[in-house]
Amino acid sequence: MNPTFRPLVKVLGLSKSYGRRRVLNQLEFDVASGSGLVVKGSNGSGKTTLLEILATISRPDEGLIEVCGTNISDCLLYTSPSPRDGL
């Protein structure tokens, strides 16, 4: 890997649970500028949860998300509770 490579999106150790159900477990990936990412899986496997976290609609339980080198892990765009939060 190029030592000067800086990904557009970097995800490290991303985890999220709903109660006792863990839907993301230590997920890690990089997305380079100009590239794409495909997310596929069965129903309930965490695809929507991942997209909500990346869109800052939901917070991860653990992990780091960087966009253009800026940590967005604790950012929330939308703060109303989700029905999945059990609130």
N, C-alpha and C. Protein backbone atom coordinates (compact mmCIF):
# COMPACT_ATOMS: atom_id res chain seq x y z
N MET A 1 0.84 -1.18 0.00
CA MET A 1 0.00 0.00 0.00
C MET A 1 0.89 1.24 0.00
N ASN A 2 0.44 2.24 -0.69
CA ASN A 2 1.14 3.52 -0.77
C ASN A 2 1.14 4.19 0.61
N PRO A 3 2.31 4.55 1.15
CA PRO A 3 2.35 5.16 2.49
C PRO A 3 1.68 6.53 2.56
N THR A 4 1.45 7.19 1.43
CA THR A 4 0.78 8.49 1.44
C THR A 4 -0.72 8.35 1.16
N PHE A 5 -1.20 7.12 0.98
CA PHE A 5 -2.62 6.88 0.72
C PHE A 5 -3.45 7.34 1.91
N ARG A 6 -4.44 8.17 1.66
CA ARG A 6 -5.38 8.59 2.68
C ARG A 6 -6.78 8.30 2.16
N PRO A 7 -7.47 7.35 2.78
CA PRO A 7 -8.80 6.99 2.28
C PRO A 7 -9.81 8.12 2.48
N LEU A 8 -10.81 8.14 1.61
CA LEU A 8 -11.91 9.08 1.75
C LEU A 8 -12.72 8.73 3.00
N VAL A 9 -12.99 7.42 3.17
CA VAL A 9 -13.71 6.92 4.35
C VAL A 9 -12.88 5.80 4.96
N LYS A 10 -12.69 5.85 6.27
CA LYS A 10 -11.95 4.81 6.99
C LYS A 10 -12.81 4.37 8.16
N VAL A 11 -13.03 3.06 8.27
CA VAL A 11 -13.81 2.49 9.36
C VAL A 11 -12.93 1.48 10.09
N LEU A 12 -12.82 1.63 11.41
CA LEU A 12 -11.99 0.74 12.23
C LEU A 12 -12.76 0.25 13.44
N GLY A 13 -12.88 -1.05 13.60
CA GLY A 13 -13.47 -1.66 14.79
C GLY A 13 -14.91 -1.27 15.06
N LEU A 14 -15.70 -1.08 14.01
CA LEU A 14 -17.08 -0.62 14.15
C LEU A 14 -17.98 -1.75 14.67
N SER A 15 -18.67 -1.48 15.77
CA SER A 15 -19.60 -2.45 16.36
C SER A 15 -20.88 -1.74 16.76
N LYS A 16 -21.99 -2.46 16.65
CA LYS A 16 -23.30 -1.93 17.06
C LYS A 16 -24.19 -3.10 17.46
N SER A 17 -24.87 -2.92 18.58
CA SER A 17 -25.82 -3.93 19.07
C SER A 17 -27.15 -3.27 19.33
N TYR A 18 -28.20 -4.06 19.21
CA TYR A 18 -29.55 -3.67 19.62
C TYR A 18 -29.93 -4.66 20.70
N GLY A 19 -29.84 -4.22 21.94
CA GLY A 19 -30.06 -5.15 23.04
C GLY A 19 -28.96 -6.21 23.04
N ARG A 20 -29.34 -7.46 23.03
CA ARG A 20 -28.36 -8.55 23.02
C ARG A 20 -27.96 -8.96 21.61
N ARG A 21 -28.59 -8.37 20.58
CA ARG A 21 -28.30 -8.74 19.20
C ARG A 21 -27.22 -7.82 18.62
N ARG A 22 -26.05 -8.39 18.36
CA ARG A 22 -24.95 -7.62 17.76
C ARG A 22 -25.07 -7.74 16.24
N VAL A 23 -25.25 -6.59 15.58
CA VAL A 23 -25.43 -6.59 14.12
C VAL A 23 -24.16 -6.19 13.38
N LEU A 24 -23.27 -5.45 14.03
CA LEU A 24 -21.95 -5.14 13.45
C LEU A 24 -20.90 -5.52 14.50
N ASN A 25 -19.88 -6.25 14.07
CA ASN A 25 -18.88 -6.75 15.00
C ASN A 25 -17.47 -6.47 14.47
N GLN A 26 -16.86 -5.40 14.98
CA GLN A 26 -15.48 -5.06 14.64
C GLN A 26 -15.25 -4.93 13.13
N LEU A 27 -16.17 -4.26 12.45
CA LEU A 27 -16.09 -4.06 11.00
C LEU A 27 -14.98 -3.07 10.66
N GLU A 28 -14.17 -3.40 9.64
CA GLU A 28 -13.09 -2.52 9.21
C GLU A 28 -13.01 -2.49 7.68
N PHE A 29 -12.90 -1.27 7.13
CA PHE A 29 -12.70 -1.11 5.69
C PHE A 29 -12.28 0.32 5.39
N ASP A 30 -11.70 0.51 4.21
CA ASP A 30 -11.35 1.83 3.68
C ASP A 30 -12.04 1.98 2.34
N VAL A 31 -12.41 3.20 2.01
CA VAL A 31 -12.95 3.51 0.69
C VAL A 31 -12.11 4.66 0.13
N ALA A 32 -11.44 4.40 -0.98
CA ALA A 32 -10.61 5.42 -1.62
C ALA A 32 -11.47 6.36 -2.45
N SER A 33 -11.01 7.56 -2.61
CA SER A 33 -11.69 8.53 -3.46
C SER A 33 -11.83 7.97 -4.87
N GLY A 34 -13.01 8.10 -5.45
CA GLY A 34 -13.26 7.61 -6.80
C GLY A 34 -13.62 6.14 -6.88
N SER A 35 -13.68 5.45 -5.74
CA SER A 35 -14.05 4.04 -5.75
C SER A 35 -15.43 3.86 -5.13
N GLY A 36 -15.92 2.65 -5.18
CA GLY A 36 -17.24 2.36 -4.63
C GLY A 36 -17.15 1.23 -3.63
N LEU A 37 -18.25 0.98 -2.95
CA LEU A 37 -18.35 -0.08 -1.97
C LEU A 37 -19.71 -0.73 -2.10
N VAL A 38 -19.74 -2.04 -2.14
CA VAL A 38 -20.99 -2.79 -2.17
C VAL A 38 -21.18 -3.43 -0.81
N VAL A 39 -22.38 -3.28 -0.26
CA VAL A 39 -22.72 -3.90 1.01
C VAL A 39 -23.85 -4.86 0.75
N LYS A 40 -23.61 -6.14 1.01
CA LYS A 40 -24.66 -7.12 0.80
C LYS A 40 -24.70 -8.09 1.96
N GLY A 41 -25.85 -8.66 2.18
CA GLY A 41 -26.02 -9.61 3.28
C GLY A 41 -27.48 -9.94 3.44
N SER A 42 -27.74 -10.88 4.30
CA SER A 42 -29.11 -11.32 4.51
C SER A 42 -29.88 -10.30 5.34
N ASN A 43 -31.21 -10.48 5.43
CA ASN A 43 -32.04 -9.60 6.25
C ASN A 43 -31.55 -9.63 7.69
N GLY A 44 -31.45 -8.45 8.28
CA GLY A 44 -31.03 -8.36 9.68
C GLY A 44 -29.55 -8.46 9.91
N SER A 45 -28.76 -8.40 8.85
CA SER A 45 -27.31 -8.58 9.02
C SER A 45 -26.55 -7.29 9.29
N GLY A 46 -27.23 -6.13 9.27
CA GLY A 46 -26.59 -4.88 9.64
C GLY A 46 -26.34 -3.89 8.52
N LYS A 47 -26.85 -4.16 7.32
CA LYS A 47 -26.61 -3.25 6.19
C LYS A 47 -27.18 -1.86 6.45
N THR A 48 -28.43 -1.79 6.85
CA THR A 48 -29.06 -0.50 7.11
C THR A 48 -28.41 0.18 8.31
N THR A 49 -28.07 -0.58 9.32
CA THR A 49 -27.40 -0.02 10.49
C THR A 49 -26.08 0.62 10.08
N LEU A 50 -25.30 -0.06 9.25
CA LEU A 50 -24.04 0.50 8.77
C LEU A 50 -24.27 1.82 8.04
N LEU A 51 -25.24 1.85 7.14
CA LEU A 51 -25.53 3.08 6.39
C LEU A 51 -26.02 4.20 7.31
N GLU A 52 -26.83 3.87 8.32
CA GLU A 52 -27.28 4.89 9.27
C GLU A 52 -26.12 5.47 10.06
N ILE A 53 -25.15 4.62 10.43
CA ILE A 53 -23.99 5.10 11.17
C ILE A 53 -23.12 5.98 10.26
N LEU A 54 -22.89 5.55 9.03
CA LEU A 54 -22.08 6.34 8.11
C LEU A 54 -22.74 7.67 7.77
N ALA A 55 -24.08 7.70 7.78
CA ALA A 55 -24.83 8.93 7.49
C ALA A 55 -25.01 9.78 8.76
N THR A 56 -24.45 9.36 9.86
CA THR A 56 -24.53 10.01 11.17
C THR A 56 -25.97 10.13 11.68
N ILE A 57 -26.78 9.15 11.33
CA ILE A 57 -28.15 9.08 11.85
C ILE A 57 -28.16 8.26 13.13
N SER A 58 -27.18 7.40 13.29
CA SER A 58 -27.04 6.55 14.47
C SER A 58 -25.58 6.52 14.88
N ARG A 59 -25.32 6.28 16.15
CA ARG A 59 -23.94 6.19 16.65
C ARG A 59 -23.54 4.73 16.81
N PRO A 60 -22.28 4.42 16.54
CA PRO A 60 -21.80 3.07 16.81
C PRO A 60 -21.59 2.89 18.32
N ASP A 61 -21.62 1.63 18.77
CA ASP A 61 -21.27 1.33 20.16
C ASP A 61 -19.76 1.44 20.36
N GLU A 62 -19.02 1.04 19.34
CA GLU A 62 -17.55 1.09 19.37
C GLU A 62 -17.07 1.41 17.97
N GLY A 63 -15.84 1.87 17.90
CA GLY A 63 -15.20 2.04 16.61
C GLY A 63 -14.95 3.48 16.21
N LEU A 64 -14.25 3.61 15.11
CA LEU A 64 -13.84 4.90 14.58
C LEU A 64 -14.28 5.01 13.14
N ILE A 65 -14.84 6.17 12.80
CA ILE A 65 -15.19 6.47 11.41
C ILE A 65 -14.55 7.80 11.07
N GLU A 66 -13.75 7.80 10.02
CA GLU A 66 -13.14 9.04 9.54
C GLU A 66 -13.59 9.29 8.12
N VAL A 67 -13.93 10.55 7.84
CA VAL A 67 -14.25 10.99 6.48
C VAL A 67 -13.28 12.13 6.17
N CYS A 68 -12.48 11.95 5.14
CA CYS A 68 -11.45 12.93 4.77
C CYS A 68 -10.54 13.25 5.96
N GLY A 69 -10.25 12.25 6.79
CA GLY A 69 -9.36 12.43 7.92
C GLY A 69 -10.00 13.01 9.17
N THR A 70 -11.30 13.31 9.12
CA THR A 70 -12.01 13.87 10.27
C THR A 70 -12.84 12.80 10.95
N ASN A 71 -12.68 12.65 12.25
CA ASN A 71 -13.44 11.66 13.01
C ASN A 71 -14.89 12.10 13.11
N ILE A 72 -15.82 11.28 12.62
CA ILE A 72 -17.25 11.58 12.70
C ILE A 72 -17.98 10.57 13.58
N SER A 73 -17.25 9.75 14.33
CA SER A 73 -17.84 8.68 15.13
C SER A 73 -18.89 9.18 16.11
N ASP A 74 -18.70 10.37 16.67
CA ASP A 74 -19.62 10.90 17.67
C ASP A 74 -20.60 11.92 17.13
N CYS A 75 -20.61 12.12 15.82
CA CYS A 75 -21.51 13.10 15.21
C CYS A 75 -22.89 12.48 15.01
N LEU A 76 -23.91 13.28 15.25
CA LEU A 76 -25.28 12.86 14.95
C LEU A 76 -25.97 13.96 14.17
N LEU A 77 -26.49 13.60 13.00
CA LEU A 77 -27.24 14.53 12.19
C LEU A 77 -28.69 14.59 12.66
N TYR A 78 -29.23 13.44 13.04
CA TYR A 78 -30.63 13.33 13.43
C TYR A 78 -30.68 12.67 14.79
N THR A 79 -31.34 13.29 15.77
CA THR A 79 -31.24 12.80 17.14
C THR A 79 -32.51 12.18 17.71
N SER A 80 -33.62 12.12 16.97
CA SER A 80 -34.81 11.47 17.49
C SER A 80 -34.55 9.97 17.64
N PRO A 81 -35.10 9.36 18.69
CA PRO A 81 -34.84 7.93 18.89
C PRO A 81 -35.46 7.08 17.79
N SER A 82 -34.77 6.01 17.49
CA SER A 82 -35.26 5.02 16.54
C SER A 82 -36.10 3.99 17.29
N PRO A 83 -37.13 3.42 16.66
CA PRO A 83 -37.88 2.35 17.32
C PRO A 83 -36.98 1.19 17.74
N ARG A 84 -35.86 1.00 17.01
CA ARG A 84 -34.93 -0.07 17.35
C ARG A 84 -34.15 0.21 18.63
N ASP A 85 -34.12 1.47 19.08
CA ASP A 85 -33.40 1.80 20.29
C ASP A 85 -34.16 1.37 21.55
N GLY A 86 -35.43 0.97 21.38
CA GLY A 86 -36.23 0.51 22.51
C GLY A 86 -36.66 1.63 23.43
N LEU A 87 -36.70 2.85 22.91
CA LEU A 87 -37.10 4.00 23.76
C LEU A 87 -38.55 4.33 23.58
